[in-house]
Protein backbone atom coordinates (compact mmCIF):
# COMPACT_ATOMS: atom_id res chain seq x y z
CA MET A 1 0.00 0.10 0.03
CA ARG A 2 1.19 3.24 -1.21
CA THR A 3 -0.91 5.53 0.89
CA ALA A 4 -0.08 7.12 3.70
CA LEU A 5 -3.90 8.30 4.22
CA CYS A 6 -7.25 7.91 2.11
CA LEU A 7 -10.48 8.99 2.96
CA TRP A 8 -13.91 10.06 1.73
CA ILE A 9 -18.04 9.81 1.79
CA VAL A 10 -21.12 11.25 2.99
CA MET A 11 -24.96 11.17 1.09
CA GLY A 12 -28.28 12.03 2.13
CA VAL A 13 -31.20 10.21 0.16
CA LEU A 14 -34.12 11.97 -0.01
CA CYS A 15 -37.37 10.70 -0.61
CA PRO A 16 -40.66 12.11 -1.57
CA GLY A 17 -42.88 12.84 1.42
CA GLU A 18 -45.80 11.79 -0.77
CA VAL A 19 -45.64 10.39 -4.37
CA ARG A 20 -47.89 11.96 -6.93
CA GLY A 21 -47.48 9.78 -9.64
CA HIS A 22 -44.31 10.43 -10.67
CA LYS A 23 -42.91 6.96 -11.15
CA GLY A 24 -40.76 6.27 -13.99
CA ASN A 25 -43.18 7.57 -16.26
CA GLY A 26 -40.69 8.86 -19.05
CA GLY A 27 -37.99 6.88 -19.36
CA ASP A 28 -34.25 7.10 -18.66
CA ARG A 29 -32.85 10.45 -20.49
CA HIS A 30 -29.68 8.84 -21.33
CA HIS A 31 -27.58 11.34 -19.14
CA SER A 32 -27.60 8.85 -16.09
CA HIS A 33 -23.83 8.57 -16.60
CA SER A 34 -21.80 11.04 -14.62
CA ARG A 35 -19.70 13.31 -16.26
CA ASP A 36 -16.50 13.83 -15.36
CA HIS A 37 -14.68 16.42 -17.25
CA GLY A 38 -10.64 15.35 -16.58
CA GLY A 39 -11.15 16.17 -13.48
CA ASP A 40 -9.15 14.27 -10.33
CA ARG A 41 -5.67 14.86 -11.89
CA ASP A 42 -3.21 13.04 -9.40
CA HIS A 43 -1.07 15.78 -8.20
CA SER A 44 1.38 13.87 -5.97
CA ASP A 45 4.06 14.04 -8.64
CA ARG A 46 4.03 17.58 -8.51
CA ARG A 47 5.70 17.93 -5.08
CA ASP A 48 5.97 20.71 -3.04
CA HIS A 49 9.71 20.40 -1.73
CA ASP A 50 9.53 24.25 -0.21
CA HIS A 51 8.23 23.29 2.98
CA GLY A 52 11.24 21.59 4.90
CA ASP A 53 11.20 20.76 8.23
CA ARG A 54 8.93 24.43 8.89
CA ARG A 55 8.20 24.62 13.09
CA ASP A 56 5.27 26.41 12.92
CA HIS A 57 4.11 27.60 16.10
CA GLY A 58 0.72 27.87 15.66
CA HIS A 59 0.80 30.96 12.89
CA ASP A 60 0.88 28.81 9.55
CA HIS A 61 1.77 31.95 7.83
CA ASP A 62 3.84 30.51 5.22
CA HIS A 63 1.04 29.37 2.96
CA GLY A 64 -0.60 32.66 2.91
CA ASP A 65 -4.16 33.04 1.21
CA ARG A 66 -3.47 31.27 -1.60
CA HIS A 67 -6.82 31.92 -3.60
CA ASP A 68 -5.67 31.53 -6.92
CA HIS A 69 -8.92 30.92 -8.90
CA SER A 70 -7.49 30.90 -11.91
CA HIS A 71 -6.95 27.67 -13.13
CA GLY A 72 -9.46 24.86 -11.82
CA ARG A 73 -6.86 22.40 -11.20
CA GLY A 74 -7.92 19.26 -9.67
CA HIS A 75 -11.10 19.91 -8.95
CA GLY A 76 -12.77 16.58 -10.69
CA HIS A 77 -16.06 18.85 -11.22
CA GLY A 78 -15.90 19.74 -14.27
CA HIS A 79 -19.08 21.79 -13.62
CA GLY A 80 -19.15 24.86 -12.14
CA ARG A 81 -15.64 25.67 -13.03
CA ASP A 82 -16.85 28.51 -15.57
CA HIS A 83 -18.93 30.13 -12.97
CA ARG A 84 -15.65 30.75 -10.87
CA HIS A 85 -14.27 33.64 -12.48
CA HIS A 86 -17.80 35.99 -11.75
CA HIS A 87 -16.95 35.18 -7.95
CA HIS A 88 -13.26 36.83 -7.29
CA HIS A 89 -14.93 39.38 -4.86
CA HIS A 90 -16.69 36.88 -2.45
CA HIS A 91 -13.12 36.11 -1.55
CA GLU A 92 -11.67 39.35 -0.71
CA PRO A 93 -13.75 39.48 2.89
CA SER A 94 -12.79 35.85 3.51
CA ASP A 95 -12.48 36.78 7.37
CA ASN A 96 -16.42 38.11 7.24
CA SER A 97 -17.92 34.73 6.44
CA THR A 98 -15.27 32.14 6.03
CA LYS A 99 -14.30 32.57 9.77
CA PRO A 100 -17.86 32.12 11.31
CA VAL A 101 -18.02 28.99 9.12
CA ILE A 102 -15.03 27.39 9.77
CA GLN A 103 -15.73 27.81 13.51
CA GLY A 104 -19.22 26.61 12.83
CA ASN A 105 -17.46 23.82 11.42
CA LEU A 106 -15.27 23.08 14.15
CA GLU A 107 -18.41 23.03 16.57
CA PHE A 108 -20.30 20.60 14.64
CA ALA A 109 -16.84 18.69 14.15
CA CYS A 110 -17.03 18.30 18.25
CA SER A 111 -20.97 17.48 18.42
CA LEU A 112 -20.99 14.76 15.54
CA TYR A 113 -18.00 13.46 17.41
CA ASN A 114 -19.41 13.37 20.78
CA GLN A 115 -22.85 11.62 19.52
CA LEU A 116 -20.90 8.96 17.42
CA VAL A 117 -18.82 7.61 20.33
CA ALA A 118 -22.19 7.84 22.65
CA GLN A 119 -23.66 5.31 20.44
CA PRO A 120 -24.18 2.20 21.92
CA ASP A 121 -22.97 0.09 18.67
CA ASN A 122 -20.15 1.97 19.23
CA GLN A 123 -18.79 1.26 22.47
CA GLY A 124 -15.29 -0.44 22.34
CA LYS A 125 -15.20 0.42 18.62
CA ASN A 126 -12.80 2.29 16.32
CA VAL A 127 -15.06 5.74 15.29
CA PHE A 128 -13.43 7.35 12.26
CA PHE A 129 -15.26 10.11 9.80
CA SER A 130 -14.94 13.28 7.89
CA PRO A 131 -16.58 16.03 9.63
CA LEU A 132 -15.86 18.48 6.54
CA SER A 133 -18.07 16.08 4.49
CA VAL A 134 -21.03 16.29 6.42
CA SER A 135 -21.17 19.61 7.22
CA LEU A 136 -20.47 20.12 3.37
CA VAL A 137 -23.51 18.01 2.29
CA LEU A 138 -26.01 19.43 4.82
CA ALA A 139 -24.68 22.89 3.99
CA ALA A 140 -25.58 21.86 0.11
CA LEU A 141 -29.15 20.91 1.52
CA SER A 142 -29.95 24.00 3.17
CA VAL A 143 -29.76 26.09 0.19
CA GLY A 144 -32.84 24.30 -0.73
CA ALA A 145 -34.27 24.34 2.76
CA LYS A 146 -36.87 27.09 4.64
CA GLY A 147 -38.53 27.83 7.32
CA GLN A 148 -37.82 25.76 10.69
CA THR A 149 -35.99 22.94 8.62
CA HIS A 150 -33.75 25.79 7.23
CA GLN A 151 -32.80 27.22 11.09
CA GLN A 152 -32.42 23.54 12.34
CA LEU A 153 -29.88 22.59 9.75
CA PHE A 154 -28.50 25.90 10.31
CA THR A 155 -28.13 25.90 14.17
CA GLY A 156 -26.98 21.90 13.56
CA LEU A 157 -24.18 23.10 11.40
CA GLY A 158 -23.03 25.60 14.02
CA PHE A 159 -24.22 28.53 12.46
CA ASN A 160 -25.78 31.81 13.85
CA SER A 161 -28.52 32.95 11.54
CA SER A 162 -28.16 36.45 13.10
CA LEU A 163 -24.88 36.58 12.08
CA LEU A 164 -24.72 34.36 8.89
CA THR A 165 -26.60 34.68 5.95
CA GLN A 166 -27.15 31.34 3.83
CA GLU A 167 -25.64 33.39 0.98
CA GLN A 168 -22.47 33.95 3.37
CA VAL A 169 -22.21 30.22 4.30
CA ASP A 170 -22.24 29.25 0.43
CA GLN A 171 -19.49 31.87 -0.69
CA ALA A 172 -17.48 30.47 2.65
CA PHE A 173 -17.90 26.97 1.55
CA GLN A 174 -16.78 28.18 -2.36
CA THR A 175 -13.64 29.40 -0.70
CA ILE A 176 -12.81 26.53 1.57
CA LEU A 177 -13.36 24.09 -1.28
CA THR A 178 -11.49 25.78 -4.12
CA GLN A 179 -8.54 26.30 -1.49
CA LEU A 180 -8.79 22.52 -0.82
CA ASN A 181 -9.27 21.44 -4.17
CA GLN A 182 -6.22 23.59 -5.34
CA LYS A 183 -3.39 21.81 -3.24
CA ILE A 184 -0.61 20.62 -5.66
CA GLY A 185 1.36 18.67 -3.03
CA VAL A 186 -1.40 16.02 -1.82
CA ASN A 187 -3.84 14.39 -3.65
CA LEU A 188 -7.08 16.03 -2.24
CA THR A 189 -10.72 15.98 -3.68
CA VAL A 190 -13.58 17.04 -2.19
CA GLY A 191 -16.91 17.45 -3.54
CA SER A 192 -20.73 16.63 -3.72
CA ALA A 193 -22.97 15.41 -6.63
CA LEU A 194 -26.35 15.22 -6.67
CA PHE A 195 -28.61 12.48 -8.20
CA LEU A 196 -31.99 13.23 -9.43
CA GLN A 197 -35.10 11.31 -10.45
CA ASN A 198 -35.23 11.82 -14.52
CA THR A 199 -39.33 12.78 -14.12
CA PHE A 200 -38.49 15.05 -11.39
CA THR A 201 -37.52 18.97 -12.39
CA PRO A 202 -35.89 20.51 -9.55
CA ARG A 203 -35.88 24.91 -9.25
CA PRO A 204 -33.00 26.03 -11.53
CA GLU A 205 -31.86 28.22 -9.11
CA PHE A 206 -30.91 25.30 -6.29
CA LEU A 207 -28.91 23.52 -8.97
CA GLU A 208 -27.18 26.90 -10.05
CA ASP A 209 -25.80 27.45 -6.47
CA LEU A 210 -25.05 23.84 -5.76
CA LYS A 211 -22.76 24.00 -8.89
CA ARG A 212 -21.45 27.57 -8.10
CA PHE A 213 -20.96 27.17 -4.66
CA TYR A 214 -20.57 23.62 -3.92
CA LEU A 215 -18.77 22.24 -6.95
CA SER A 216 -21.60 19.86 -7.07
CA GLU A 217 -23.12 18.35 -10.21
CA GLY A 218 -26.32 17.17 -11.07
CA VAL A 219 -27.05 13.46 -12.64
CA THR A 220 -30.43 12.20 -13.75
CA VAL A 221 -31.36 8.73 -13.24
CA ASP A 222 -34.35 6.52 -13.07
CA PHE A 223 -34.70 5.61 -9.42
CA THR A 224 -37.83 2.97 -10.39
CA ASN A 225 -34.91 0.77 -11.94
CA THR A 226 -33.03 0.22 -8.71
CA ALA A 227 -30.16 -1.83 -10.41
CA LYS A 228 -28.85 0.80 -13.20
CA ALA A 229 -29.27 3.58 -10.73
CA ILE A 230 -27.14 1.62 -7.84
CA ASP A 231 -24.69 1.24 -10.48
CA THR A 232 -24.47 4.57 -11.62
CA ILE A 233 -24.08 6.05 -8.25
CA ASN A 234 -21.28 3.39 -7.76
CA THR A 235 -19.56 4.01 -10.54
CA TYR A 236 -19.41 7.97 -9.78
CA VAL A 237 -18.21 7.24 -6.08
CA GLY A 238 -15.71 4.71 -7.40
CA ASP A 239 -14.14 7.52 -10.15
CA LYS A 240 -14.42 10.16 -8.14
CA THR A 241 -12.25 8.17 -4.84
CA LYS A 242 -10.05 5.99 -7.27
CA GLY A 243 -11.57 3.01 -6.46
CA LYS A 244 -11.25 3.28 -3.05
CA ILE A 245 -15.13 3.19 -2.26
CA ASP A 246 -16.80 0.92 -5.60
CA LYS A 247 -19.67 -0.39 -3.75
CA LEU A 248 -20.99 2.37 -1.20
CA VAL A 249 -24.69 1.74 -2.28
CA LYS A 250 -26.49 -1.63 -2.02
CA ASP A 251 -29.85 -0.98 -2.09
CA LEU A 252 -32.50 1.80 -3.11
CA ASP A 253 -35.81 2.60 -2.35
CA PRO A 254 -37.59 2.45 -5.97
CA THR A 255 -39.46 6.09 -4.71
CA THR A 256 -35.98 7.77 -4.28
CA VAL A 257 -36.42 11.08 -5.74
CA MET A 258 -33.32 13.00 -5.05
CA TYR A 259 -29.83 11.32 -3.68
CA LEU A 260 -27.34 13.93 -2.47
CA LEU A 261 -23.62 12.52 -1.93
CA SER A 262 -20.64 13.67 -0.51
CA TYR A 263 -16.93 12.77 -1.06
CA ILE A 264 -13.43 13.73 -0.14
CA TYR A 265 -10.54 11.62 -1.12
CA PHE A 266 -7.20 12.15 0.55
CA LYS A 267 -3.88 10.41 0.03
CA GLY A 268 -1.19 11.98 1.52
CA LYS A 269 2.26 11.41 1.78
CA TRP A 270 4.41 12.41 4.88
CA GLU A 271 7.10 15.59 4.89
CA ILE A 272 9.41 13.18 6.57
CA PRO A 273 8.78 9.43 5.78
CA PHE A 274 8.95 6.54 8.21
CA ASN A 275 11.71 3.78 7.33
CA PRO A 276 10.16 0.68 6.61
CA GLU A 277 13.01 -0.80 8.11
CA ASP A 278 12.52 0.43 11.46
CA THR A 279 8.91 -0.81 11.72
CA LYS A 280 8.49 -3.99 13.68
CA GLU A 281 5.63 -6.19 15.45
CA ASP A 282 4.70 -4.64 18.84
CA THR A 283 1.77 -4.76 21.15
CA PHE A 284 -1.35 -2.60 21.45
CA HIS A 285 -2.85 -2.43 24.60
CA VAL A 286 -6.92 -2.16 23.82
CA ASP A 287 -7.62 -2.06 27.39
CA GLU A 288 -6.84 -3.82 30.61
CA ASN A 289 -7.26 -7.21 29.67
CA THR A 290 -6.97 -7.10 25.40
CA THR A 291 -3.91 -6.95 23.56
CA VAL A 292 -3.24 -7.14 19.75
CA PRO A 293 0.03 -7.36 17.68
CA VAL A 294 0.36 -4.25 15.76
CA GLN A 295 2.84 -2.92 13.21
CA MET A 296 4.80 -0.35 14.85
CA MET A 297 6.37 2.21 12.77
CA SER A 298 9.25 4.35 14.43
CA MET A 299 11.29 7.33 14.00
CA MET A 300 13.66 9.47 16.00
CA LYS A 301 13.81 13.22 15.04
CA ARG A 302 12.45 16.66 15.96
CA PHE A 303 8.77 16.49 16.20
CA SER A 304 6.17 19.04 16.83
CA VAL A 305 4.62 18.21 20.27
CA TYR A 306 2.36 19.64 22.62
CA TYR A 307 1.71 18.15 26.43
CA ASP A 308 -1.76 19.37 28.02
CA GLN A 309 -1.26 19.68 31.47
CA GLU A 310 -5.15 20.29 32.16
CA ILE A 311 -6.08 16.75 31.06
CA SER A 312 -2.45 14.88 30.90
CA THR A 313 -2.66 14.51 27.38
CA SER A 314 0.18 14.44 24.65
CA ILE A 315 -0.48 15.72 21.07
CA LEU A 316 1.83 14.98 18.24
CA HIS A 317 1.89 16.15 15.10
CA LEU A 318 2.91 14.81 11.86
CA ARG A 319 2.97 17.06 8.64
CA TYR A 320 1.89 15.39 5.06
CA ASN A 321 3.15 18.07 2.13
CA ASP A 322 1.99 21.32 1.57
CA SER A 323 -0.15 22.17 4.45
CA VAL A 324 -2.17 19.18 5.90
CA SER A 325 -1.08 17.81 9.20
CA MET A 326 -2.22 14.89 11.59
CA MET A 327 -2.75 15.34 14.84
CA LEU A 328 -2.34 12.22 17.33
CA VAL A 329 -3.84 12.66 20.65
CA LEU A 330 -2.62 10.57 23.71
CA PRO A 331 -4.09 10.64 26.89
CA GLU A 332 -2.68 9.44 30.16
CA LYS A 333 -5.39 8.44 31.55
CA GLY A 334 -7.58 7.00 28.88
CA LEU A 335 -9.45 7.58 26.23
CA ALA A 336 -12.78 7.81 28.17
CA SER A 337 -11.60 10.57 30.19
CA LEU A 338 -10.55 12.47 26.87
CA ASP A 339 -14.14 11.64 25.62
CA GLU A 340 -15.98 13.61 28.08
CA VAL A 341 -13.86 16.63 27.76
CA ILE A 342 -12.88 17.03 23.76
CA CYS A 343 -13.82 20.33 22.46
CA LEU A 344 -13.44 22.93 20.47
CA ASN A 345 -11.01 24.89 23.08
CA HIS A 346 -9.10 21.74 23.07
CA ILE A 347 -8.53 21.08 19.25
CA THR A 348 -7.79 24.89 18.67
CA LYS A 349 -4.97 25.29 21.77
CA TRP A 350 -3.38 22.00 20.40
CA HIS A 351 -3.22 22.90 17.04
CA ARG A 352 -1.77 26.57 18.18
CA TRP A 353 0.72 25.76 21.26
CA LYS A 354 3.08 23.08 19.54
CA LYS A 355 6.96 23.19 19.66
CA ALA A 356 9.92 20.89 18.35
CA LYS A 357 11.71 18.78 20.16
CA GLU A 358 13.67 15.68 19.58
CA TYR A 359 11.24 12.45 20.45
CA HIS A 360 11.37 8.88 19.60
CA VAL A 361 8.18 8.22 18.04
CA TYR A 362 6.23 4.69 17.91
CA VAL A 363 3.11 5.12 15.54
CA PRO A 364 0.95 1.67 14.62
CA LYS A 365 0.53 1.11 10.87
CA LEU A 366 -3.51 1.67 10.46
CA SER A 367 -6.09 0.61 7.75
CA ILE A 368 -9.59 1.49 8.74
CA THR A 369 -12.77 1.90 7.35
CA THR A 370 -16.24 3.07 9.03
CA THR A 371 -19.66 3.31 7.81
CA TYR A 372 -22.62 5.47 9.69
CA SER A 373 -26.04 5.94 9.07
CA LEU A 374 -26.62 9.33 10.59
CA LYS A 375 -30.41 9.73 10.56
CA ASP A 376 -30.86 9.33 14.41
CA ILE A 377 -27.72 11.17 15.35
CA LEU A 378 -28.43 14.25 13.22
CA SER A 379 -32.11 14.48 14.73
CA GLY A 380 -30.50 14.38 17.90
CA ILE A 381 -28.40 16.88 17.26
CA GLY A 382 -31.65 19.06 16.38
CA MET A 383 -32.21 18.54 12.97
CA PRO A 384 -35.39 16.36 13.12
CA ASP A 385 -37.74 18.18 10.79
CA MET A 386 -35.69 17.08 7.53
CA PHE A 387 -36.38 13.52 7.74
CA SER A 388 -40.12 13.89 8.76
CA ASP A 389 -43.40 15.14 6.92
CA ARG A 390 -42.37 18.40 8.33
CA ALA A 391 -39.59 19.04 6.03
CA ASP A 392 -39.48 22.10 3.97
CA PHE A 393 -37.61 21.55 0.70
CA SER A 394 -39.55 23.86 -1.29
CA GLY A 395 -36.26 25.73 -2.64
CA ILE A 396 -35.58 22.29 -3.80
CA SER A 397 -39.36 21.95 -5.53
CA GLU A 398 -42.73 23.06 -5.37
CA GLU A 399 -44.25 20.38 -7.31
CA LEU A 400 -42.96 17.63 -4.68
CA LYS A 401 -43.32 17.49 -1.20
CA VAL A 402 -39.81 15.80 0.02
CA ALA A 403 -38.05 15.09 2.96
CA VAL A 404 -34.22 13.41 3.58
CA SER A 405 -34.86 9.33 4.00
CA GLU A 406 -31.17 8.85 5.28
CA VAL A 407 -27.58 10.31 5.62
CA VAL A 408 -25.07 7.45 5.04
CA HIS A 409 -21.68 8.26 5.82
CA GLN A 410 -18.23 6.07 4.81
CA ALA A 411 -14.54 7.41 5.52
CA SER A 412 -11.74 5.31 5.18
CA LEU A 413 -8.33 5.65 6.79
CA ASP A 414 -4.39 4.57 5.98
CA VAL A 415 -1.37 5.12 7.40
CA ASP A 416 2.29 3.92 6.65
CA GLU A 417 5.48 4.67 5.90
CA ALA A 418 5.42 6.52 3.03
CA GLY A 419 6.63 10.15 2.76
CA VAL A 420 7.20 12.65 -0.25
CA THR A 421 10.00 11.19 -0.71
CA ALA A 422 12.18 8.15 -0.15
CA ALA A 423 13.46 7.93 3.28
CA ALA A 424 17.37 8.17 2.39
CA ALA A 425 17.11 11.37 0.26
CA THR A 426 15.34 13.67 2.70
CA GLY A 427 18.74 14.93 4.45
CA VAL A 428 17.50 14.43 7.92
CA VAL A 429 19.81 13.58 10.49
CA LEU A 430 18.33 10.31 12.22
CA MET A 431 19.42 9.86 15.76
CA PRO A 432 20.74 6.54 16.40
CA PHE A 433 18.09 4.56 18.66
CA SER A 434 20.50 3.98 21.94
CA SER A 435 20.14 7.43 22.71
CA ARG A 436 18.69 6.98 26.31
CA ARG A 437 17.62 10.42 27.03
CA THR A 438 15.16 11.13 24.32
CA PRO A 439 11.91 11.06 25.35
CA VAL A 440 9.50 8.27 23.80
CA LEU A 441 6.33 9.06 22.85
CA LYS A 442 4.46 5.46 21.61
CA PHE A 443 0.94 5.29 20.57
CA ASP A 444 0.61 1.68 22.12
CA ARG A 445 -3.10 2.26 23.75
CA PRO A 446 -6.03 4.03 22.24
CA PHE A 447 -5.36 7.36 20.92
CA MET A 448 -7.23 10.11 18.78
CA VAL A 449 -6.62 11.18 15.59
CA PHE A 450 -7.29 14.39 13.57
CA VAL A 451 -6.24 14.91 9.66
CA MET A 452 -6.11 19.06 9.63
CA ASP A 453 -5.68 21.61 6.84
CA ARG A 454 -3.66 23.96 8.42
CA GLU A 455 -4.67 26.73 5.62
CA THR A 456 -8.13 26.64 5.87
CA LYS A 457 -8.36 25.14 9.61
CA ASN A 458 -10.98 22.94 8.77
CA ILE A 459 -10.80 18.95 10.50
CA LEU A 460 -10.83 16.69 7.39
CA PHE A 461 -11.10 14.24 9.68
CA MET A 462 -11.06 12.91 13.30
CA GLY A 463 -11.80 9.55 15.31
CA LYS A 464 -10.24 7.75 17.95
CA ILE A 465 -8.44 4.42 17.31
CA ILE A 466 -9.70 1.83 20.38
CA ASN A 467 -8.24 -1.28 18.06
CA PRO A 468 -5.68 -0.81 15.18
CA ALA A 469 -6.26 -4.59 14.36
CA ASN A 470 -10.23 -3.85 13.63
CA LYS A 471 -10.58 -3.19 9.83
């Protein structure tokens, strides 16, 4: 496996609240194949060597605000590219709307994490998801929501409707998505898609906003031909995630009229790779009574580390190239103590107050895939109406009353030794392993993991690893 990390998907499925004879009259209109106008190019070979081992003490100004919208590189969203030049002026006041949206995204990430770890089904299991991907699909959905349904979506997403308008949220997501999709040093693709029953006409303004702000493609399918619709959606997702997810949808309700999907694919390489020769079998302590064997990578060098005395927790930052970092969080008193206190303030603090120091670090190789149904969780964090007959999506269509039937999320994480360049060529002086005074940081018991974009300050992925042997 060459990847250091690969990840992705959410989708919402919209079904009609009341089906008014909209079943399959009118055949398939022959554009059910998802069009991809030459996107998703693999940029991993155009490496960014200029980052060196810059130890940022939380400021990360070195990347500037690269808006660079003139070339839609790496979008994989052929649609919407031609609209971007109209909106340069939206990116100027990025502080006005982007900051509160990113703040909302962080709050939403924490509340979603707390809900996921509290679920009875997830006890003792690894939890891993993409908060940004879920925020993206719900924000895109809010474009067509009205009344109380819109208010619940906004509040649940961490947005204050007295401070933020839908237009500001749209523009903020456009800025975030454009920045993320323009990274050259990592392979990162973020976007969404809308699959529509081909007998159903959504409002043109709704489709236009999705295309312009959420880089979303609209694809018509005939859901009454469920086998073909499943194949169309799975092929689309497979293309977008480089085959990493190929059978996301297993069954579909033939009365579905709209299927909203968002995906995120990340394949990064460490700025400084681990040497595979230093990877050895080791023991991981799942709990007091359970141990599992793991392949433990190790390296000794200057790492950015922060020790949070308030909660007796060590935080290690591992940098990918092009402003993406993995943050590994190891509590001394066990993960349960951390689950209770994890919140926005900690994440912000860990991100900011790191400093470089020599460590001998041990990190297990990982390969984990998770799938969640989020309907009950999203209802539980204040968004129940969109799933019920109270749903108001009149901004999507007035001809048919629709509600969301399910939101499914799948994410996957691979962590291995691979770096930007071969280990021998990095020019980093590795200390001999006999150096006894070097402090050791060993992730051989349950820990949390974050993948952060330092440029937009978004959490691309987060979760907790209880047992690395569970796939």
